[in-house]
Amino acid sequence: MIKVTSKIVDKIDLELLNKIKQVKKELINNPPVFIKEIYQLDKVLLEFSKLDNVKKNKDTLVILGVGGSDLGFRAIFNALTHSNFNELDNVSSSNVNSLSNDKNLTNFKKVYFAGDTTEPKYLNELLDVLDLSKTLFLVLSKSGNTIETLSSFLFFYTKVKKLNLNIKEHFVFITNEVEEKEINTNANSSNILRDISLKHNVITIDIPKELGGRFSVLSSVGLIPSLLLNLDVNSLIKGAIDLDNNLDEVTKYVSFIYSEYLKNKNINVLMPYSKYLTYFSKWYVQLISESLGKVDNNNVTQGITPISNLGPLDQHSQLQLYIDGIKNKVITFINVTNASNTLDIAIDNNDINELSFLSNKSFNSILNLEYRGTQTSMDNNEIPNITLEIVEVNAYYLGQLFYFFELVTLILGNLLEVNVFNQPGVEESKEYVRENLKSVA
């Protein structure tokens, strides 16, 4: 189980703790969809069985999505697969020391991400390395109308069709479920992707309409691509469910973050000490930004500005700012306490005497010292900080981390009196693009 540690946590005001516990109780009695979804794995597995035929004879998976339809699975892929996944087929398996040795259990040997950009150079360079006859495109858009995703889909759809390949054998859609009134009419729906799926008989997996994209990682949005790669979705979900049964650490963390927010500490830095959590931090940034940056019920602007860092990398780029700059930041470390993959440094015959101080030291011990050094420096300079401890980066703890921050965001939104599930500030720019596309060459 995730463990929250901080010198400040024990000093949180009792009245605030009781307020948070009451909020938590109300939310548990009326849970939003993302909470219900972690208990729907059987339904996702049933949906996944629809892909039995379409995934045959494919060795490349391309994810077309943006925002919540992209970052969640990117975080899963980053955390649970080999860091050089796409290159593994070019090396002997006996030379592979990986976090996950399951690649031989999936047909997919290469995974690429697109749909989050309309930059032509990137799309053309991706096309350069694809054998379209062996590629499956997984197109994810909650609304079914996301411009970046639809334009990328159309680009690859045209290329696939030009080769006389069967569209329904190379594309799978994940999008909002169809409403009953849309099923009973022949009119087009408000979901372009859904309309295309009906026209071309493309397999389509539903997202519950009430499920926000940034809260969807533990639903079909994150689990279907994980299943395609034979990743351990059972442990992902088990981690979330175990946390759901014991929310004490969530309460501690929310208490800390909210109490500091009331002191005008409204910049939150997430700093995991693992490269395998790089994209988790990016997912966290969207979750916090879009959920909490709102006008509250009293017409007052609220919001926490999240920053994605990586230890020890950003010790050498941003730590100076945190220590000596404006004191408006809160630091959350993620520390991995018992990583199973170890590596020692050995110097033969003491032939580099200048580096003898590193001899017989493990990389894990160096990484841990770097975390301890940064955390101690924060304490010494009175920078509010808190640590989430996980045993290792695996499916179980990743599932807990996802669910932990989703719950934290939900409770903070309640305390700030904002709706965490809408994003009115995003719609204006989207509408601008839609309207002006009509006049763009």
Protein backbone atom coordinates (compact mmCIF):
# COMPACT_ATOMS: atom_id res chain seq x y z
CA MET A 1 0.00 0.00 0.00
CA ILE A 2 1.12 3.55 -0.74
CA LYS A 3 2.58 5.18 2.36
CA VAL A 4 2.48 8.95 2.94
CA THR A 5 5.33 10.43 4.98
CA SER A 6 6.00 14.03 5.99
CA LYS A 7 7.05 15.91 9.12
CA ILE A 8 4.13 18.27 8.57
CA VAL A 9 1.32 15.72 8.17
CA ASP A 10 1.09 15.02 11.90
CA LYS A 11 0.54 18.73 12.56
CA ILE A 12 -2.57 19.10 10.37
CA ASP A 13 -5.46 20.87 12.07
CA LEU A 14 -7.99 18.41 13.50
CA GLU A 15 -10.95 20.48 12.27
CA LEU A 16 -9.62 20.30 8.72
CA LEU A 17 -9.13 16.55 9.00
CA ASN A 18 -12.72 16.09 10.14
CA LYS A 19 -13.97 18.25 7.26
CA ILE A 20 -12.07 16.12 4.75
CA LYS A 21 -13.37 12.93 6.30
CA GLN A 22 -16.94 14.23 5.95
CA VAL A 23 -16.36 15.13 2.31
CA LYS A 24 -14.89 11.68 1.72
CA LYS A 25 -17.89 10.02 3.34
CA GLU A 26 -20.32 11.95 1.12
CA LEU A 27 -18.39 11.01 -2.02
CA ILE A 28 -18.27 7.34 -1.06
CA ASN A 29 -22.04 7.33 -0.56
CA ASN A 30 -22.55 8.77 -4.05
CA PRO A 31 -19.50 7.59 -6.03
CA PRO A 32 -18.72 9.09 -9.45
CA VAL A 33 -18.29 6.83 -12.47
CA PHE A 34 -14.50 6.51 -12.25
CA ILE A 35 -14.87 4.83 -8.86
CA LYS A 36 -17.47 2.41 -10.21
CA GLU A 37 -15.25 1.58 -13.19
CA ILE A 38 -12.55 -0.12 -11.12
CA TYR A 39 -15.13 -2.80 -10.33
CA GLN A 40 -15.97 -3.39 -14.01
CA LEU A 41 -12.95 -5.41 -15.14
CA ASP A 42 -15.09 -8.38 -16.24
CA LYS A 43 -17.00 -6.05 -18.56
CA VAL A 44 -13.74 -4.74 -20.06
CA LEU A 45 -12.46 -8.29 -20.59
CA LEU A 46 -15.69 -9.13 -22.41
CA GLU A 47 -15.24 -6.09 -24.64
CA PHE A 48 -11.63 -7.09 -25.27
CA SER A 49 -12.75 -10.49 -26.57
CA LYS A 50 -14.23 -8.63 -29.57
CA LEU A 51 -10.66 -8.00 -30.72
CA ASP A 52 -9.67 -11.69 -31.01
CA ASN A 53 -9.74 -11.64 -34.81
CA VAL A 54 -8.67 -8.08 -35.52
CA LYS A 55 -5.41 -8.42 -33.57
CA LYS A 56 -4.30 -11.48 -35.55
CA ASN A 57 -1.33 -11.03 -37.91
CA LYS A 58 -0.56 -7.61 -36.44
CA ASP A 59 2.81 -6.75 -34.91
CA THR A 60 2.50 -2.97 -34.55
CA LEU A 61 0.07 -0.95 -32.42
CA VAL A 62 -0.51 2.75 -33.06
CA ILE A 63 -2.42 4.74 -30.44
CA LEU A 64 -4.34 7.71 -31.84
CA GLY A 65 -5.49 9.90 -28.96
CA VAL A 66 -4.81 13.11 -27.08
CA GLY A 67 -5.18 14.29 -23.48
CA GLY A 68 -7.03 11.82 -21.28
CA SER A 69 -7.35 9.43 -24.22
CA ASP A 70 -3.58 9.28 -24.54
CA LEU A 71 -1.70 10.16 -21.34
CA GLY A 72 -3.13 7.37 -19.18
CA PHE A 73 -1.96 4.53 -21.39
CA ARG A 74 1.30 6.33 -22.11
CA ALA A 75 1.91 6.30 -18.35
CA ILE A 76 1.08 2.58 -18.19
CA PHE A 77 3.33 1.81 -21.17
CA ASN A 78 6.19 3.88 -19.74
CA ALA A 79 5.93 2.22 -16.32
CA LEU A 80 5.32 -1.43 -17.20
CA THR A 81 7.25 -2.16 -20.39
CA HIS A 82 10.91 -2.24 -21.32
CA SER A 83 12.27 1.28 -21.82
CA ASN A 84 13.46 0.23 -25.30
CA PHE A 85 10.38 -1.82 -26.16
CA ASN A 86 10.43 -1.14 -29.90
CA GLU A 87 14.06 -2.21 -30.23
CA LEU A 88 13.86 -5.52 -28.35
CA ASP A 89 13.34 -7.64 -31.45
CA ASN A 90 16.77 -6.57 -32.65
CA VAL A 91 18.64 -8.04 -29.67
CA SER A 92 19.05 -11.50 -28.23
CA SER A 93 16.53 -12.25 -25.49
CA SER A 94 19.40 -13.52 -23.34
CA ASN A 95 20.74 -9.95 -23.24
CA VAL A 96 17.50 -8.41 -22.01
CA ASN A 97 17.26 -7.30 -18.37
CA SER A 98 13.80 -5.73 -18.28
CA LEU A 99 11.08 -4.70 -15.91
CA SER A 100 8.67 -6.78 -17.99
CA ASN A 101 9.59 -9.94 -19.87
CA ASP A 102 6.12 -10.47 -21.32
CA LYS A 103 6.86 -9.27 -24.84
CA ASN A 104 6.94 -12.82 -26.18
CA LEU A 105 3.33 -13.21 -24.97
CA THR A 106 1.94 -10.46 -27.21
CA ASN A 107 1.86 -10.21 -30.99
CA PHE A 108 2.73 -6.53 -30.81
CA LYS A 109 6.44 -5.86 -31.03
CA LYS A 110 6.25 -2.12 -31.64
CA VAL A 111 4.03 0.60 -30.16
CA TYR A 112 3.76 4.17 -31.42
CA PHE A 113 1.73 7.16 -30.23
CA ALA A 114 0.12 9.69 -32.55
CA GLY A 115 -3.12 11.61 -32.55
CA ASP A 116 -1.75 14.17 -30.10
CA THR A 117 -0.25 16.30 -32.85
CA THR A 118 -1.09 17.49 -36.34
CA GLU A 119 2.56 18.20 -37.14
CA PRO A 120 3.07 16.74 -40.63
CA LYS A 121 6.75 15.88 -40.20
CA TYR A 122 5.98 13.59 -37.26
CA LEU A 123 3.13 11.83 -39.03
CA ASN A 124 5.15 11.32 -42.21
CA GLU A 125 8.09 9.94 -40.25
CA LEU A 126 5.79 7.54 -38.43
CA LEU A 127 4.41 6.39 -41.76
CA ASP A 128 8.00 5.74 -42.90
CA VAL A 129 8.42 2.95 -40.32
CA LEU A 130 4.97 1.33 -40.48
CA ASP A 131 4.03 -1.79 -42.39
CA LEU A 132 0.35 -0.91 -42.64
CA SER A 133 -0.63 -4.48 -43.46
CA LYS A 134 0.58 -5.49 -39.98
CA THR A 135 -0.58 -2.40 -38.08
CA LEU A 136 -3.58 -2.00 -35.78
CA PHE A 137 -4.72 1.55 -35.07
CA LEU A 138 -6.48 2.10 -31.75
CA VAL A 139 -8.41 5.37 -32.06
CA LEU A 140 -9.46 6.91 -28.73
CA SER A 141 -11.68 9.96 -28.38
CA LYS A 142 -14.29 10.35 -25.67
CA SER A 143 -16.37 12.85 -27.61
CA GLY A 144 -15.58 11.26 -30.95
CA ASN A 145 -14.97 14.75 -32.31
CA THR A 146 -11.39 15.57 -31.25
CA ILE A 147 -9.76 17.42 -34.15
CA GLU A 148 -6.19 16.18 -33.60
CA THR A 149 -7.30 12.55 -33.31
CA LEU A 150 -9.77 12.66 -36.22
CA SER A 151 -7.27 14.31 -38.57
CA SER A 152 -4.62 11.70 -37.74
CA PHE A 153 -7.19 8.94 -38.16
CA LEU A 154 -8.19 10.29 -41.57
CA PHE A 155 -4.55 10.46 -42.65
CA PHE A 156 -3.88 6.80 -41.79
CA TYR A 157 -7.33 5.67 -42.95
CA THR A 158 -6.57 7.07 -46.41
CA LYS A 159 -3.21 5.26 -46.53
CA VAL A 160 -4.75 1.96 -45.43
CA LYS A 161 -7.57 2.24 -47.94
CA LYS A 162 -5.14 3.05 -50.75
CA LEU A 163 -3.51 -0.36 -50.17
CA ASN A 164 -6.93 -2.03 -50.51
CA LEU A 165 -6.75 -3.25 -46.93
CA ASN A 166 -9.95 -3.93 -45.02
CA ILE A 167 -10.63 -0.92 -42.79
CA LYS A 168 -12.38 -2.89 -40.07
CA GLU A 169 -9.35 -5.17 -39.71
CA HIS A 170 -6.96 -2.30 -39.01
CA PHE A 171 -8.92 0.12 -36.83
CA VAL A 172 -10.59 -0.17 -33.42
CA PHE A 173 -12.43 2.77 -31.85
CA ILE A 174 -12.92 3.61 -28.16
CA THR A 175 -15.46 6.37 -27.67
CA ASN A 176 -18.61 7.46 -25.81
CA GLU A 177 -21.40 4.92 -25.54
CA VAL A 178 -24.46 5.37 -27.73
CA GLU A 179 -27.58 6.77 -26.12
CA GLU A 180 -30.84 4.88 -26.55
CA LYS A 181 -32.42 7.69 -28.58
CA GLU A 182 -29.52 7.53 -31.04
CA ILE A 183 -29.89 3.77 -31.46
CA ASN A 184 -33.57 4.16 -32.35
CA THR A 185 -33.05 6.73 -35.10
CA ASN A 186 -31.20 6.72 -38.40
CA ALA A 187 -29.89 10.23 -37.93
CA ASN A 188 -26.22 10.90 -37.39
CA SER A 189 -25.18 11.15 -33.75
CA SER A 190 -23.19 13.98 -32.18
CA ASN A 191 -20.17 11.63 -32.25
CA ILE A 192 -18.34 11.60 -35.59
CA LEU A 193 -16.20 8.59 -34.67
CA ARG A 194 -19.29 6.60 -33.76
CA ASP A 195 -20.90 7.47 -37.11
CA ILE A 196 -17.79 6.30 -38.97
CA SER A 197 -17.77 3.05 -36.99
CA LEU A 198 -21.36 2.30 -38.00
CA LYS A 199 -20.70 3.08 -41.66
CA HIS A 200 -17.58 0.89 -41.88
CA ASN A 201 -18.52 -1.72 -39.27
CA VAL A 202 -15.45 -0.89 -37.17
CA ILE A 203 -15.26 -2.57 -33.75
CA THR A 204 -16.10 0.09 -31.16
CA ILE A 205 -15.67 -0.13 -27.40
CA ASP A 206 -17.78 2.12 -25.20
CA ILE A 207 -16.72 4.75 -22.68
CA PRO A 208 -19.49 5.64 -20.17
CA LYS A 209 -20.77 9.11 -21.04
CA GLU A 210 -20.34 10.34 -17.47
CA LEU A 211 -16.68 9.25 -17.33
CA GLY A 212 -14.31 12.17 -17.86
CA GLY A 213 -11.33 11.47 -20.09
CA ARG A 214 -8.74 12.44 -17.51
CA PHE A 215 -10.37 10.03 -15.04
CA SER A 216 -10.59 7.15 -17.54
CA VAL A 217 -7.21 5.42 -17.24
CA LEU A 218 -8.58 2.48 -15.21
CA SER A 219 -11.42 1.94 -17.68
CA SER A 220 -11.36 0.53 -21.21
CA VAL A 221 -9.36 3.60 -22.28
CA GLY A 222 -6.25 2.42 -20.44
CA LEU A 223 -7.04 -1.28 -20.04
CA ILE A 224 -7.80 -2.29 -23.65
CA PRO A 225 -4.38 -1.22 -25.01
CA SER A 226 -2.78 -2.76 -21.90
CA LEU A 227 -4.52 -6.05 -22.66
CA LEU A 228 -3.29 -5.92 -26.25
CA LEU A 229 0.25 -5.88 -24.84
CA ASN A 230 -0.53 -8.58 -22.26
CA LEU A 231 0.18 -6.22 -19.37
CA ASP A 232 -1.04 -7.13 -15.90
CA VAL A 233 -4.41 -5.37 -15.76
CA ASN A 234 -5.56 -7.58 -12.88
CA SER A 235 -2.86 -6.11 -10.64
CA LEU A 236 -3.58 -2.58 -11.89
CA ILE A 237 -7.18 -2.94 -10.77
CA LYS A 238 -6.34 -4.80 -7.57
CA GLY A 239 -4.06 -1.95 -6.51
CA ALA A 240 -6.89 0.54 -6.99
CA ILE A 241 -9.45 -1.63 -5.19
CA ASP A 242 -7.13 -2.23 -2.23
CA LEU A 243 -6.69 1.53 -1.88
CA ASP A 244 -10.45 2.01 -2.17
CA ASN A 245 -10.83 -0.14 0.93
CA ASN A 246 -8.43 1.98 2.98
CA LEU A 247 -8.34 5.71 2.29
CA ASP A 248 -6.30 6.83 5.31
CA GLU A 249 -3.27 7.79 3.21
CA VAL A 250 -5.47 9.75 0.80
CA THR A 251 -6.85 11.70 3.76
CA LYS A 252 -3.34 12.50 5.01
CA TYR A 253 -2.22 13.73 1.61
CA VAL A 254 -5.31 15.87 0.92
CA SER A 255 -4.99 17.39 4.39
CA PHE A 256 -1.41 18.40 3.68
CA ILE A 257 -2.02 19.79 0.17
CA TYR A 258 -5.16 21.71 1.14
CA SER A 259 -3.67 23.21 4.28
CA GLU A 260 -0.68 24.48 2.27
CA TYR A 261 -3.03 25.80 -0.43
CA LEU A 262 -4.74 27.91 2.22
CA LYS A 263 -1.30 29.41 2.89
CA ASN A 264 -1.05 30.46 -0.80
CA LYS A 265 1.19 27.51 -1.72
CA ASN A 266 -0.63 26.87 -5.00
CA ILE A 267 2.19 25.40 -7.12
CA ASN A 268 2.50 21.63 -6.68
CA VAL A 269 5.59 19.84 -7.96
CA LEU A 270 5.41 16.07 -8.50
CA MET A 271 8.90 14.58 -8.45
CA PRO A 272 9.13 10.79 -8.80
CA TYR A 273 12.55 9.20 -8.48
CA SER A 274 11.98 6.76 -11.32
CA LYS A 275 12.17 7.31 -15.08
CA TYR A 276 9.36 4.78 -15.36
CA LEU A 277 7.01 7.36 -13.83
CA THR A 278 7.88 10.14 -16.30
CA TYR A 279 4.57 9.91 -18.12
CA PHE A 280 2.68 9.34 -14.90
CA SER A 281 3.74 12.86 -13.94
CA LYS A 282 2.48 14.19 -17.28
CA TRP A 283 -0.85 12.44 -16.67
CA TYR A 284 -0.96 14.04 -13.20
CA VAL A 285 -0.46 17.51 -14.71
CA GLN A 286 -3.56 17.21 -16.89
CA LEU A 287 -5.61 15.71 -14.05
CA ILE A 288 -4.84 18.57 -11.64
CA SER A 289 -4.93 21.40 -14.20
CA GLU A 290 -8.21 20.61 -15.92
CA SER A 291 -9.98 19.45 -12.78
CA LEU A 292 -9.13 22.22 -10.29
CA GLY A 293 -8.44 25.33 -12.35
CA LYS A 294 -11.98 26.73 -12.20
CA VAL A 295 -14.25 29.49 -10.95
CA ASP A 296 -15.86 28.22 -7.73
CA ASN A 297 -19.46 28.40 -6.54
CA ASN A 298 -18.78 31.87 -5.12
CA ASN A 299 -17.35 33.17 -8.43
CA VAL A 300 -13.81 33.10 -7.07
CA THR A 301 -11.00 31.67 -9.19
CA GLN A 302 -9.34 28.58 -7.76
CA GLY A 303 -6.60 26.27 -8.96
CA ILE A 304 -3.38 24.43 -8.28
CA THR A 305 -0.60 24.73 -10.84
CA PRO A 306 1.02 21.29 -11.25
CA ILE A 307 4.62 20.85 -12.37
CA SER A 308 6.04 17.59 -13.65
CA ASN A 309 9.58 16.92 -12.44
CA LEU A 310 11.84 13.87 -12.46
CA GLY A 311 14.49 13.01 -9.91
CA PRO A 312 17.42 13.24 -10.07
CA LEU A 313 17.22 15.04 -13.43
CA ASP A 314 15.50 18.16 -12.18
CA GLN A 315 17.80 18.52 -9.19
CA HIS A 316 20.10 19.93 -11.87
CA SER A 317 17.55 22.24 -13.47
CA GLN A 318 14.88 23.45 -11.02
CA LEU A 319 16.00 22.70 -7.47
CA GLN A 320 17.73 26.08 -7.24
CA LEU A 321 14.38 27.79 -7.87
CA TYR A 322 12.62 25.74 -5.22
CA ILE A 323 15.24 26.35 -2.54
CA ASP A 324 16.00 30.04 -3.06
CA GLY A 325 13.07 31.29 -5.14
CA ILE A 326 9.58 32.45 -4.15
CA LYS A 327 8.19 30.18 -1.44
CA ASN A 328 4.88 29.32 -3.12
CA LYS A 329 5.52 25.66 -3.90
CA VAL A 330 4.75 22.28 -2.42
CA ILE A 331 6.87 19.27 -3.40
CA THR A 332 5.53 15.73 -3.64
CA PHE A 333 8.21 13.06 -3.98
CA ILE A 334 7.51 9.51 -5.11
CA ASN A 335 10.16 7.21 -3.67
CA VAL A 336 10.59 3.58 -4.70
CA THR A 337 11.79 1.75 -1.61
CA ASN A 338 12.64 -1.72 -2.87
CA ALA A 339 13.15 -1.83 -6.63
CA SER A 340 13.57 -5.44 -7.75
CA ASN A 341 15.90 -4.58 -10.62
CA THR A 342 19.36 -3.93 -9.15
CA LEU A 343 22.74 -3.12 -10.60
CA ASP A 344 26.07 -2.69 -8.84
CA ILE A 345 29.11 -0.71 -9.85
CA ALA A 346 32.34 -2.68 -9.86
CA ILE A 347 35.84 -1.41 -10.58
CA ASP A 348 38.28 -4.13 -11.56
CA ASN A 349 41.78 -4.00 -10.08
CA ASN A 350 41.23 -0.44 -8.86
CA ASP A 351 42.40 0.80 -12.24
CA ILE A 352 40.42 4.07 -11.85
CA ASN A 353 41.44 5.10 -8.35
CA GLU A 354 39.75 8.47 -8.64
CA LEU A 355 36.36 6.68 -8.72
CA SER A 356 37.06 4.14 -6.01
CA PHE A 357 34.41 5.79 -3.81
CA LEU A 358 31.81 4.38 -6.23
CA SER A 359 33.15 0.83 -6.21
CA ASN A 360 30.68 -1.83 -5.02
CA LYS A 361 27.91 0.75 -4.69
CA SER A 362 24.52 0.00 -6.22
CA PHE A 363 22.74 2.38 -8.57
CA ASN A 364 19.68 2.00 -6.35
CA SER A 365 21.61 3.24 -3.31
CA ILE A 366 22.86 6.25 -5.27
CA LEU A 367 19.32 7.05 -6.46
CA ASN A 368 17.99 6.77 -2.91
CA LEU A 369 20.74 9.06 -1.58
CA GLU A 370 19.87 11.63 -4.24
CA TYR A 371 16.23 11.56 -3.14
CA ARG A 372 17.24 11.78 0.55
CA GLY A 373 19.58 14.67 -0.18
CA THR A 374 16.91 16.65 -2.02
CA GLN A 375 14.23 15.92 0.58
CA THR A 376 16.58 16.90 3.45
CA SER A 377 17.47 20.12 1.65
CA MET A 378 13.76 20.90 1.38
CA ASP A 379 13.28 20.32 5.11
CA ASN A 380 16.31 22.42 6.01
CA ASN A 381 15.00 25.30 3.91
CA GLU A 382 11.43 24.95 5.17
CA ILE A 383 10.00 24.02 1.78
CA PRO A 384 6.78 22.03 2.44
CA ASN A 385 7.21 18.55 1.05
CA ILE A 386 5.64 15.14 1.32
CA THR A 387 6.66 11.69 0.10
CA LEU A 388 4.60 8.87 -1.35
CA GLU A 389 6.45 5.61 -0.81
CA ILE A 390 5.83 2.62 -3.06
CA VAL A 391 7.71 -0.68 -2.91
CA GLU A 392 8.42 -0.77 -6.63
CA VAL A 393 7.10 0.41 -9.98
CA ASN A 394 4.79 -2.42 -10.97
CA ALA A 395 1.17 -2.80 -12.07
CA TYR A 396 -0.18 -3.03 -8.51
CA TYR A 397 1.43 0.19 -7.28
CA LEU A 398 0.77 2.00 -10.55
CA GLY A 399 -2.94 1.21 -10.19
CA GLN A 400 -2.81 2.62 -6.67
CA LEU A 401 -1.05 5.78 -7.81
CA PHE A 402 -3.63 6.45 -10.53
CA TYR A 403 -6.55 5.93 -8.16
CA PHE A 404 -4.83 7.81 -5.33
CA PHE A 405 -4.53 11.01 -7.34
CA GLU A 406 -8.00 10.68 -8.85
CA LEU A 407 -9.46 10.53 -5.32
CA VAL A 408 -7.21 13.35 -4.13
CA THR A 409 -8.41 15.52 -7.03
CA LEU A 410 -12.04 14.69 -6.38
CA ILE A 411 -11.83 15.61 -2.68
CA LEU A 412 -9.81 18.77 -3.33
CA GLY A 413 -12.42 19.84 -5.88
CA ASN A 414 -15.11 19.45 -3.28
CA LEU A 415 -13.14 21.50 -0.76
CA LEU A 416 -12.52 24.20 -3.37
CA GLU A 417 -16.19 24.06 -4.44
CA VAL A 418 -15.44 23.45 -8.12
CA ASN A 419 -16.75 20.86 -10.56
CA VAL A 420 -13.78 18.59 -11.28
CA PHE A 421 -15.47 16.92 -14.26
CA ASN A 422 -15.97 19.84 -16.66
CA GLN A 423 -13.48 22.03 -18.55
CA PRO A 424 -15.26 25.16 -19.79
CA GLY A 425 -11.99 26.98 -20.30
CA VAL A 426 -10.95 24.49 -22.99
CA GLU A 427 -14.08 24.69 -25.11
CA GLU A 428 -13.49 28.18 -26.52
CA SER A 429 -10.24 27.24 -28.26
CA LYS A 430 -11.77 24.00 -29.57
CA GLU A 431 -14.71 25.90 -31.03
CA TYR A 432 -12.34 28.42 -32.64
CA VAL A 433 -10.53 25.61 -34.47
CA ARG A 434 -13.79 23.99 -35.62
CA GLU A 435 -15.21 27.25 -36.96
CA ASN A 436 -12.06 28.42 -38.73
CA LEU A 437 -11.27 25.05 -40.32
CA LYS A 438 -13.97 25.90 -42.84
CA SER A 439 -11.84 28.71 -44.25
CA VAL A 440 -8.41 27.03 -44.00
CA ALA A 441 -6.86 25.67 -47.19
